[in-house]
PDB file of N, CA and C in Angstrom:
ATOM      1  N   MET A   1      82.277  78.908 125.515  1.00  0.00           N
ATOM      2  CA  MET A   1      83.287  79.665 126.238  1.00  0.00           C
ATOM      3  C   MET A   1      84.440  78.723 126.571  1.00  0.00           C
ATOM      4  N   ASN A   2      85.710  79.244 126.350  1.00  0.00           N
ATOM      5  CA  ASN A   2      86.895  78.423 126.606  1.00  0.00           C
ATOM      6  C   ASN A   2      87.111  78.443 128.053  1.00  0.00           C
ATOM      7  N   HIS A   3      87.522  77.207 128.596  1.00  0.00           N
ATOM      8  CA  HIS A   3      87.959  77.157 129.974  1.00  0.00           C
ATOM      9  C   HIS A   3      89.309  77.797 130.094  1.00  0.00           C
ATOM     10  N   THR A   4      89.472  78.538 131.171  1.00  0.00           N
ATOM     11  CA  THR A   4      90.825  79.127 131.411  1.00  0.00           C
ATOM     12  C   THR A   4      91.525  78.425 132.577  1.00  0.00           C
ATOM     13  N   PHE A   5      92.781  78.478 132.516  1.00  0.00           N
ATOM     14  CA  PHE A   5      93.641  77.833 133.515  1.00  0.00           C
ATOM     15  C   PHE A   5      94.489  78.926 134.208  1.00  0.00           C
ATOM     16  N   LEU A   6      94.953  78.595 135.434  1.00  0.00           N
ATOM     17  CA  LEU A   6      95.906  79.464 136.115  1.00  0.00           C
ATOM     18  C   LEU A   6      97.266  79.025 135.671  1.00  0.00           C
ATOM     19  N   VAL A   7      98.033  79.916 135.137  1.00  0.00           N
ATOM     20  CA  VAL A   7      99.385  79.609 134.597  1.00  0.00           C
ATOM     21  C   VAL A   7     100.440  80.362 135.334  1.00  0.00           C
ATOM     22  N   PRO A   8     101.392  79.626 135.920  1.00  0.00           N
ATOM     23  CA  PRO A   8     102.373  80.326 136.716  1.00  0.00           C
ATOM     24  C   PRO A   8     103.255  81.133 135.861  1.00  0.00           C
ATOM     25  N   VAL A   9     103.640  82.350 136.384  1.00  0.00           N
ATOM     26  CA  VAL A   9     104.500  83.279 135.696  1.00  0.00           C
ATOM     27  C   VAL A   9     105.558  83.817 136.672  1.00  0.00           C
ATOM     28  N   ARG A  10     106.542  84.427 136.103  1.00  0.00           N
ATOM     29  CA  ARG A  10     107.544  85.082 136.945  1.00  0.00           C
ATOM     30  C   ARG A  10     107.823  86.493 136.338  1.00  0.00           C
ATOM     31  N   THR A  11     108.309  87.451 137.091  1.00  0.00           N
ATOM     32  CA  THR A  11     108.577  88.755 136.521  1.00  0.00           C
ATOM     33  C   THR A  11     110.028  88.844 136.227  1.00  0.00           C
ATOM     34  N   CYS A  12     110.308  89.195 135.023  1.00  0.00           N
ATOM     35  CA  CYS A  12     111.714  89.371 134.558  1.00  0.00           C
ATOM     36  C   CYS A  12     112.300  90.694 135.036  1.00  0.00           C
ATOM     37  N   ALA A  13     113.548  90.913 134.925  1.00  0.00           N
ATOM     38  CA  ALA A  13     114.130  92.113 135.380  1.00  0.00           C
ATOM     39  C   ALA A  13     113.531  93.398 134.823  1.00  0.00           C
ATOM     40  N   ALA A  14     113.088  93.295 133.549  1.00  0.00           N
ATOM     41  CA  ALA A  14     112.484  94.501 132.905  1.00  0.00           C
ATOM     42  C   ALA A  14     111.056  94.663 133.383  1.00  0.00           C
ATOM     43  N   GLY A  15     110.519  93.778 134.208  1.00  0.00           N
ATOM     44  CA  GLY A  15     109.143  93.960 134.634  1.00  0.00           C
ATOM     45  C   GLY A  15     108.120  93.237 133.809  1.00  0.00           C
ATOM     46  N   VAL A  16     108.642  92.436 132.853  1.00  0.00           N
ATOM     47  CA  VAL A  16     107.794  91.677 131.928  1.00  0.00           C
ATOM     48  C   VAL A  16     107.492  90.299 132.555  1.00  0.00           C
ATOM     49  N   LEU A  17     106.237  89.834 132.413  1.00  0.00           N
ATOM     50  CA  LEU A  17     105.854  88.476 132.909  1.00  0.00           C
ATOM     51  C   LEU A  17     106.306  87.547 131.911  1.00  0.00           C
ATOM     52  N   ALA A  18     106.850  86.410 132.334  1.00  0.00           N
ATOM     53  CA  ALA A  18     107.238  85.213 131.563  1.00  0.00           C
ATOM     54  C   ALA A  18     106.597  84.004 132.095  1.00  0.00           C
ATOM     55  N   VAL A  19     106.046  83.225 131.214  1.00  0.00           N
ATOM     56  CA  VAL A  19     105.331  81.950 131.585  1.00  0.00           C
ATOM     57  C   VAL A  19     106.400  81.011 132.152  1.00  0.00           C
ATOM     58  N   ARG A  20     106.118  80.389 133.322  1.00  0.00           N
ATOM     59  CA  ARG A  20     107.038  79.397 133.886  1.00  0.00           C
ATOM     60  C   ARG A  20     106.753  78.040 133.223  1.00  0.00           C
ATOM     61  N   THR A  21     107.756  77.265 132.952  1.00  0.00           N
ATOM     62  CA  THR A  21     107.657  75.898 132.524  1.00  0.00           C
ATOM     63  C   THR A  21     108.206  74.868 133.466  1.00  0.00           C
ATOM     64  N   GLY A  22     107.968  73.676 133.204  1.00  0.00           N
ATOM     65  CA  GLY A  22     108.577  72.575 134.010  1.00  0.00           C
ATOM     66  C   GLY A  22     109.335  71.620 133.148  1.00  0.00           C
ATOM     67  N   ARG A  23     109.907  70.611 133.727  1.00  0.00           N
ATOM     68  CA  ARG A  23     110.634  69.579 133.036  1.00  0.00           C
ATOM     69  C   ARG A  23     110.174  68.246 133.518  1.00  0.00           C
ATOM     70  N   LEU A  24     110.078  67.292 132.720  1.00  0.00           N
ATOM     71  CA  LEU A  24     109.773  65.897 133.004  1.00  0.00           C
ATOM     72  C   LEU A  24     111.035  65.292 133.522  1.00  0.00           C
ATOM     73  N   VAL A  25     110.971  64.134 134.105  1.00  0.00           N
ATOM     74  CA  VAL A  25     112.124  63.344 134.486  1.00  0.00           C
ATOM     75  C   VAL A  25     113.025  63.079 133.243  1.00  0.00           C
ATOM     76  N   SER A  26     112.374  62.968 132.056  1.00  0.00           N
ATOM     77  CA  SER A  26     113.141  62.742 130.836  1.00  0.00           C
ATOM     78  C   SER A  26     113.944  63.927 130.382  1.00  0.00           C
ATOM     79  N   GLY A  27     113.579  65.159 130.988  1.00  0.00           N
ATOM     80  CA  GLY A  27     114.273  66.301 130.546  1.00  0.00           C
ATOM     81  C   GLY A  27     113.465  67.168 129.644  1.00  0.00           C
ATOM     82  N   GLU A  28     112.361  66.655 129.096  1.00  0.00           N
ATOM     83  CA  GLU A  28     111.461  67.401 128.202  1.00  0.00           C
ATOM     84  C   GLU A  28     110.797  68.567 128.910  1.00  0.00           C
ATOM     85  N   ARG A  29     110.788  69.754 128.307  1.00  0.00           N
ATOM     86  CA  ARG A  29     110.127  70.913 128.861  1.00  0.00           C
ATOM     87  C   ARG A  29     108.685  70.818 128.611  1.00  0.00           C
ATOM     88  N   VAL A  30     107.821  71.190 129.550  1.00  0.00           N
ATOM     89  CA  VAL A  30     106.426  71.185 129.431  1.00  0.00           C
ATOM     90  C   VAL A  30     105.768  72.443 129.924  1.00  0.00           C
ATOM     91  N   GLY A  31     104.611  72.794 129.440  1.00  0.00           N
ATOM     92  CA  GLY A  31     103.870  73.905 129.988  1.00  0.00           C
ATOM     93  C   GLY A  31     103.180  73.486 131.197  1.00  0.00           C
ATOM     94  N   LEU A  32     102.901  74.423 132.044  1.00  0.00           N
ATOM     95  CA  LEU A  32     102.181  74.094 133.322  1.00  0.00           C
ATOM     96  C   LEU A  32     100.885  74.874 133.378  1.00  0.00           C
ATOM     97  N   ALA A  33      99.799  74.247 133.839  1.00  0.00           N
ATOM     98  CA  ALA A  33      98.511  74.914 133.932  1.00  0.00           C
ATOM     99  C   ALA A  33      97.739  74.243 135.075  1.00  0.00           C
ATOM    100  N   PHE A  34      97.016  75.019 135.796  1.00  0.00           N
ATOM    101  CA  PHE A  34      96.280  74.601 137.019  1.00  0.00           C
ATOM    102  C   PHE A  34      94.808  74.938 136.887  1.00  0.00           C
ATOM    103  N   THR A  35      93.902  74.084 137.499  1.00  0.00           N
ATOM    104  CA  THR A  35      92.595  74.383 137.468  1.00  0.00           C
ATOM    105  C   THR A  35      92.107  75.206 138.724  1.00  0.00           C
ATOM    106  N   SER A  36      92.934  75.238 139.680  1.00  0.00           N
ATOM    107  CA  SER A  36      92.567  76.039 140.899  1.00  0.00           C
ATOM    108  C   SER A  36      93.790  76.622 141.562  1.00  0.00           C
ATOM    109  N   GLU A  37      93.621  77.680 142.259  1.00  0.00           N
ATOM    110  CA  GLU A  37      94.612  78.296 143.046  1.00  0.00           C
ATOM    111  C   GLU A  37      95.236  77.348 144.099  1.00  0.00           C
ATOM    112  N   THR A  38      94.354  76.535 144.625  1.00  0.00           N
ATOM    113  CA  THR A  38      94.836  75.554 145.650  1.00  0.00           C
ATOM    114  C   THR A  38      95.757  74.592 145.048  1.00  0.00           C
ATOM    115  N   SER A  39      95.459  74.047 143.857  1.00  0.00           N
ATOM    116  CA  SER A  39      96.336  73.063 143.254  1.00  0.00           C
ATOM    117  C   SER A  39      97.680  73.774 142.837  1.00  0.00           C
ATOM    118  N   LEU A  40      97.629  74.970 142.374  1.00  0.00           N
ATOM    119  CA  LEU A  40      98.904  75.652 142.043  1.00  0.00           C
ATOM    120  C   LEU A  40      99.695  75.830 143.255  1.00  0.00           C
ATOM    121  N   MET A  41      99.106  76.337 144.428  1.00  0.00           N
ATOM    122  CA  MET A  41      99.897  76.557 145.551  1.00  0.00           C
ATOM    123  C   MET A  41     100.474  75.258 146.196  1.00  0.00           C
ATOM    124  N   LEU A  42      99.654  74.205 146.183  1.00  0.00           N
ATOM    125  CA  LEU A  42     100.174  72.918 146.719  1.00  0.00           C
ATOM    126  C   LEU A  42     101.340  72.382 145.957  1.00  0.00           C
ATOM    127  N   THR A  43     101.454  72.648 144.640  1.00  0.00           N
ATOM    128  CA  THR A  43     102.463  72.203 143.819  1.00  0.00           C
ATOM    129  C   THR A  43     103.701  73.084 143.834  1.00  0.00           C
ATOM    130  N   LEU A  44     103.457  74.402 143.719  1.00  0.00           N
ATOM    131  CA  LEU A  44     104.608  75.339 143.507  1.00  0.00           C
ATOM    132  C   LEU A  44     104.796  76.271 144.762  1.00  0.00           C
ATOM    133  N   GLY A  45     104.058  76.182 145.827  1.00  0.00           N
ATOM    134  CA  GLY A  45     104.189  77.068 146.939  1.00  0.00           C
ATOM    135  C   GLY A  45     103.212  78.202 146.997  1.00  0.00           C
ATOM    136  N   PRO A  46     103.124  78.800 148.166  1.00  0.00           N
ATOM    137  CA  PRO A  46     102.116  79.807 148.371  1.00  0.00           C
ATOM    138  C   PRO A  46     102.397  81.223 147.698  1.00  0.00           C
ATOM    139  N   SER A  47     103.559  81.540 147.360  1.00  0.00           N
ATOM    140  CA  SER A  47     103.891  82.886 146.900  1.00  0.00           C
ATOM    141  C   SER A  47     104.029  82.914 145.323  1.00  0.00           C
ATOM    142  N   GLN A  48     103.175  82.245 144.660  1.00  0.00           N
ATOM    143  CA  GLN A  48     103.331  82.213 143.210  1.00  0.00           C
ATOM    144  C   GLN A  48     102.517  83.308 142.504  1.00  0.00           C
ATOM    145  N   GLN A  49     103.110  83.856 141.408  1.00  0.00           N
ATOM    146  CA  GLN A  49     102.304  84.711 140.617  1.00  0.00           C
ATOM    147  C   GLN A  49     101.684  83.895 139.525  1.00  0.00           C
ATOM    148  N   TRP A  50     100.477  84.274 139.092  1.00  0.00           N
ATOM    149  CA  TRP A  50      99.859  83.507 137.983  1.00  0.00           C
ATOM    150  C   TRP A  50      98.962  84.419 137.244  1.00  0.00           C
ATOM    151  N   ILE A  51      98.631  83.935 135.972  1.00  0.00           N
ATOM    152  CA  ILE A  51      97.669  84.688 135.134  1.00  0.00           C
ATOM    153  C   ILE A  51      96.675  83.626 134.608  1.00  0.00           C
ATOM    154  N   ARG A  52      95.539  84.152 134.133  1.00  0.00           N
ATOM    155  CA  ARG A  52      94.535  83.251 133.512  1.00  0.00           C
ATOM    156  C   ARG A  52      94.769  83.188 132.040  1.00  0.00           C
ATOM    157  N   LEU A  53      94.820  81.961 131.530  1.00  0.00           N
ATOM    158  CA  LEU A  53      94.978  81.794 130.053  1.00  0.00           C
ATOM    159  C   LEU A  53      94.144  80.576 129.603  1.00  0.00           C
ATOM    160  N   ALA A  54      93.593  80.634 128.509  1.00  0.00           N
ATOM    161  CA  ALA A  54      92.918  79.448 127.824  1.00  0.00           C
ATOM    162  C   ALA A  54      94.013  78.582 127.299  1.00  0.00           C
ATOM    163  N   ARG A  55      93.698  77.387 126.957  1.00  0.00           N
ATOM    164  CA  ARG A  55      94.684  76.429 126.437  1.00  0.00           C
ATOM    165  C   ARG A  55      95.384  76.878 125.154  1.00  0.00           C
ATOM    166  N   GLU A  56      94.557  77.371 124.183  1.00  0.00           N
ATOM    167  CA  GLU A  56      95.131  77.765 122.923  1.00  0.00           C
ATOM    168  C   GLU A  56      96.138  78.963 123.008  1.00  0.00           C
ATOM    169  N   PRO A  57      95.876  79.985 123.687  1.00  0.00           N
ATOM    170  CA  PRO A  57      96.859  81.069 123.827  1.00  0.00           C
ATOM    171  C   PRO A  57      98.096  80.568 124.525  1.00  0.00           C
ATOM    172  N   LEU A  58      97.994  79.711 125.531  1.00  0.00           N
ATOM    173  CA  LEU A  58      99.159  79.185 126.194  1.00  0.00           C
ATOM    174  C   LEU A  58      99.952  78.319 125.239  1.00  0.00           C
ATOM    175  N   ALA A  59      99.306  77.481 124.470  1.00  0.00           N
ATOM    176  CA  ALA A  59     100.030  76.659 123.477  1.00  0.00           C
ATOM    177  C   ALA A  59     100.733  77.528 122.438  1.00  0.00           C
ATOM    178  N   GLU A  60     100.145  78.649 122.104  1.00  0.00           N
ATOM    179  CA  GLU A  60     100.784  79.506 121.109  1.00  0.00           C
ATOM    180  C   GLU A  60     101.990  80.169 121.771  1.00  0.00           C
ATOM    181  N   MET A  61     101.988  80.452 123.036  1.00  0.00           N
ATOM    182  CA  MET A  61     103.125  81.082 123.662  1.00  0.00           C
ATOM    183  C   MET A  61     104.282  80.060 123.851  1.00  0.00           C
ATOM    184  N   LEU A  62     103.977  78.759 123.974  1.00  0.00           N
ATOM    185  CA  LEU A  62     104.983  77.744 124.282  1.00  0.00           C
ATOM    186  C   LEU A  62     105.568  77.229 122.971  1.00  0.00           C
ATOM    187  N   GLU A  63     104.799  77.326 121.843  1.00  0.00           N
ATOM    188  CA  GLU A  63     105.247  76.833 120.598  1.00  0.00           C
ATOM    189  C   GLU A  63     106.627  77.275 120.144  1.00  0.00           C
ATOM    190  N   PRO A  64     106.910  78.551 120.189  1.00  0.00           N
ATOM    191  CA  PRO A  64     108.234  79.107 119.768  1.00  0.00           C
ATOM    192  C   PRO A  64     109.370  78.538 120.657  1.00  0.00           C
ATOM    193  N   LEU A  65     109.025  78.059 121.851  1.00  0.00           N
ATOM    194  CA  LEU A  65     110.028  77.539 122.723  1.00  0.00           C
ATOM    195  C   LEU A  65     110.253  76.011 122.489  1.00  0.00           C
ATOM    196  N   GLY A  66     109.487  75.475 121.567  1.00  0.00           N
ATOM    197  CA  GLY A  66     109.579  74.040 121.241  1.00  0.00           C
ATOM    198  C   GLY A  66     108.907  73.150 122.231  1.00  0.00           C
ATOM    199  N   ILE A  67     107.968  73.719 123.034  1.00  0.00           N
ATOM    200  CA  ILE A  67     107.233  72.982 124.035  1.00  0.00           C
ATOM    201  C   ILE A  67     105.947  72.409 123.420  1.00  0.00           C
ATOM    202  N   GLU A  68     105.807  71.149 123.447  1.00  0.00           N
ATOM    203  CA  GLU A  68     104.684  70.478 122.805  1.00  0.00           C
ATOM    204  C   GLU A  68     103.547  69.989 123.681  1.00  0.00           C
ATOM    205  N   HIS A  69     103.850  69.925 124.992  1.00  0.00           N
ATOM    206  CA  HIS A  69     102.874  69.336 125.889  1.00  0.00           C
ATOM    207  C   HIS A  69     102.603  70.278 127.114  1.00  0.00           C
ATOM    208  N   ILE A  70     101.332  70.323 127.545  1.00  0.00           N
ATOM    209  CA  ILE A  70     100.934  71.117 128.699  1.00  0.00           C
ATOM    210  C   ILE A  70     100.454  70.091 129.713  1.00  0.00           C
ATOM    211  N   ILE A  71     100.953  70.219 130.905  1.00  0.00           N
ATOM    212  CA  ILE A  71     100.438  69.307 132.005  1.00  0.00           C
ATOM    213  C   ILE A  71      99.469  70.152 132.855  1.00  0.00           C
ATOM    214  N   ILE A  72      98.277  69.536 133.004  1.00  0.00           N
ATOM    215  CA  ILE A  72      97.256  70.191 133.857  1.00  0.00           C
ATOM    216  C   ILE A  72      97.304  69.660 135.208  1.00  0.00           C
ATOM    217  N   ASP A  73      97.389  70.407 136.227  1.00  0.00           N
ATOM    218  CA  ASP A  73      97.417  70.020 137.649  1.00  0.00           C
ATOM    219  C   ASP A  73      98.468  68.988 137.985  1.00  0.00           C
ATOM    220  N   PRO A  74      99.712  69.216 137.715  1.00  0.00           N
ATOM    221  CA  PRO A  74     100.709  68.322 138.116  1.00  0.00           C
ATOM    222  C   PRO A  74     100.822  68.219 139.609  1.00  0.00           C
ATOM    223  N   ASP A  75     101.063  67.053 140.201  1.00  0.00           N
ATOM    224  CA  ASP A  75     101.169  66.948 141.645  1.00  0.00           C
ATOM    225  C   ASP A  75     102.600  67.370 142.046  1.00  0.00           C
ATOM    226  N   LEU A  76     103.598  66.841 141.429  1.00  0.00           N
ATOM    227  CA  LEU A  76     104.937  67.230 141.673  1.00  0.00           C
ATOM    228  C   LEU A  76     105.609  67.457 140.337  1.00  0.00           C
ATOM    229  N   VAL A  77     105.911  68.721 140.030  1.00  0.00           N
ATOM    230  CA  VAL A  77     106.358  69.089 138.690  1.00  0.00           C
ATOM    231  C   VAL A  77     107.545  68.322 138.218  1.00  0.00           C
ATOM    232  N   GLY A  78     108.553  68.171 138.981  1.00  0.00           N
ATOM    233  CA  GLY A  78     109.717  67.476 138.597  1.00  0.00           C
ATOM    234  C   GLY A  78     109.646  65.979 138.359  1.00  0.00           C
ATOM    235  N   GLU A  79     108.481  65.384 138.867  1.00  0.00           N
ATOM    236  CA  GLU A  79     108.273  63.908 138.669  1.00  0.00           C
ATOM    237  C   GLU A  79     107.195  63.623 137.722  1.00  0.00           C
ATOM    238  N   SER A  80     106.580  64.561 136.990  1.00  0.00           N
ATOM    239  CA  SER A  80     105.497  64.243 136.084  1.00  0.00           C
ATOM    240  C   SER A  80     105.847  63.454 134.948  1.00  0.00           C
ATOM    241  N   ARG A  81     104.886  62.695 134.407  1.00  0.00           N
ATOM    242  CA  ARG A  81     105.108  61.847 133.248  1.00  0.00           C
ATOM    243  C   ARG A  81     104.065  62.171 132.188  1.00  0.00           C
ATOM    244  N   THR A  82     104.337  61.769 130.971  1.00  0.00           N
ATOM    245  CA  THR A  82     103.383  62.095 129.835  1.00  0.00           C
ATOM    246  C   THR A  82     102.749  60.808 129.289  1.00  0.00           C
ATOM    247  N   ASP A  83     102.302  59.896 130.165  1.00  0.00           N
ATOM    248  CA  ASP A  83     101.682  58.637 129.682  1.00  0.00           C
ATOM    249  C   ASP A  83     100.224  58.770 129.683  1.00  0.00           C
ATOM    250  N   GLY A  84      99.679  59.944 129.666  1.00  0.00           N
ATOM    251  CA  GLY A  84      98.219  60.161 129.591  1.00  0.00           C
ATOM    252  C   GLY A  84      97.522  60.290 130.861  1.00  0.00           C
ATOM    253  N   PRO A  85      96.178  60.589 130.813  1.00  0.00           N
ATOM    254  CA  PRO A  85      95.432  60.800 131.970  1.00  0.00           C
ATOM    255  C   PRO A  85      95.304  59.463 132.837  1.00  0.00           C
ATOM    256  N   GLN A  86      95.148  59.611 134.119  1.00  0.00           N
ATOM    257  CA  GLN A  86      94.974  58.529 135.030  1.00  0.00           C
ATOM    258  C   GLN A  86      93.667  58.684 135.700  1.00  0.00           C
ATOM    259  N   GLU A  87      92.900  57.617 136.040  1.00  0.00           N
ATOM    260  CA  GLU A  87      91.700  57.764 136.784  1.00  0.00           C
ATOM    261  C   GLU A  87      91.943  58.353 138.095  1.00  0.00           C
ATOM    262  N   ARG A  88      92.855  57.812 138.868  1.00  0.00           N
ATOM    263  CA  ARG A  88      93.242  58.254 140.199  1.00  0.00           C
ATOM    264  C   ARG A  88      94.788  58.409 140.128  1.00  0.00           C
ATOM    265  N   PRO A  89      95.244  59.695 139.924  1.00  0.00           N
ATOM    266  CA  PRO A  89      96.655  59.881 139.846  1.00  0.00           C
ATOM    267  C   PRO A  89      97.356  59.630 141.166  1.00  0.00           C
ATOM    268  N   SER A  90      98.421  58.985 141.099  1.00  0.00           N
ATOM    269  CA  SER A  90      99.266  58.817 142.292  1.00  0.00           C
ATOM    270  C   SER A  90     100.225  60.023 142.350  1.00  0.00           C
ATOM    271  N   PRO A  91     100.716  60.369 143.520  1.00  0.00           N
ATOM    272  CA  PRO A  91     101.684  61.508 143.611  1.00  0.00           C
ATOM    273  C   PRO A  91     102.754  61.443 142.476  1.00  0.00           C
ATOM    274  N   GLY A  92     103.026  62.565 141.847  1.00  0.00           N
ATOM    275  CA  GLY A  92     104.032  62.619 140.839  1.00  0.00           C
ATOM    276  C   GLY A  92     103.522  62.373 139.428  1.00  0.00           C
ATOM    277  N   GLN A  93     102.283  62.035 139.245  1.00  0.00           N
ATOM    278  CA  GLN A  93     101.693  61.797 137.957  1.00  0.00           C
ATOM    279  C   GLN A  93     100.718  62.909 137.603  1.00  0.00           C
ATOM    280  N   PRO A  94     100.717  63.447 136.369  1.00  0.00           N
ATOM    281  CA  PRO A  94      99.801  64.472 135.942  1.00  0.00           C
ATOM    282  C   PRO A  94      98.403  63.933 135.890  1.00  0.00           C
ATOM    283  N   ARG A  95      97.389  64.855 136.032  1.00  0.00           N
ATOM    284  CA  ARG A  95      96.047  64.485 135.909  1.00  0.00           C
ATOM    285  C   ARG A  95      95.577  64.437 134.453  1.00  0.00           C
ATOM    286  N   GLU A  96      96.267  65.306 133.632  1.00  0.00           N
ATOM    287  CA  GLU A  96      95.920  65.410 132.242  1.00  0.00           C
ATOM    288  C   GLU A  96      97.155  65.853 131.531  1.00  0.00           C
ATOM    289  N   VAL A  97      97.437  65.310 130.364  1.00  0.00           N
ATOM    290  CA  VAL A  97      98.512  65.807 129.505  1.00  0.00           C
ATOM    291  C   VAL A  97      97.908  66.164 128.220  1.00  0.00           C
ATOM    292  N   ALA A  98      98.129  67.375 127.756  1.00  0.00           N
ATOM    293  CA  ALA A  98      97.594  67.830 126.507  1.00  0.00           C
ATOM    294  C   ALA A  98      98.683  68.249 125.557  1.00  0.00           C
ATOM    295  N   THR A  99      98.437  67.957 124.256  1.00  0.00           N
ATOM    296  CA  THR A  99      99.344  68.449 123.271  1.00  0.00           C
ATOM    297  C   THR A  99      99.220  69.923 123.113  1.00  0.00           C
ATOM    298  N   ALA A 100     100.264  70.682 123.165  1.00  0.00           N
ATOM    299  CA  ALA A 100     100.210  72.161 123.141  1.00  0.00           C
ATOM    300  C   ALA A 100      99.781  72.659 121.817  1.00  0.00           C
ATOM    301  N   ALA A 101     100.244  72.166 120.757  1.00  0.00           N
ATOM    302  CA  ALA A 101      99.922  72.737 119.449  1.00  0.00           C
ATOM    303  C   ALA A 101      98.813  71.982 118.777  1.00  0.00           C
TER     304      ALA A 101
END
C-alpha cells in the first residue's frame, strides 16, 4: 500500500482545487507534502485546505509545471533547502527531499 501525504491546496475562482507549491531560497519551485495535519498547520497555518495524495500522483501533477522535487514536512517553506535528508533537521531545513518524477 502506498503511503499518502497531506498536500496543501487552494480553491480557484471556478471552485477547482489547485495544488499549492513552495519556493526554495534559490527560487526553485517545489511540491509540498506533509505526514501529519499538525506538521502542515505548524508550517502553513491553521486554516489550510488539504487533500490526501500518494507521492506518484503528486509527482505526476507537478511534472507539467516543471517541478522536479517534493519536500516532505518542511519546517519553514520559504527557507527549505534541497541538500538531502538530515538526521535532526534544524529550523528551515526539510526532513526529506524527493525527486518528483
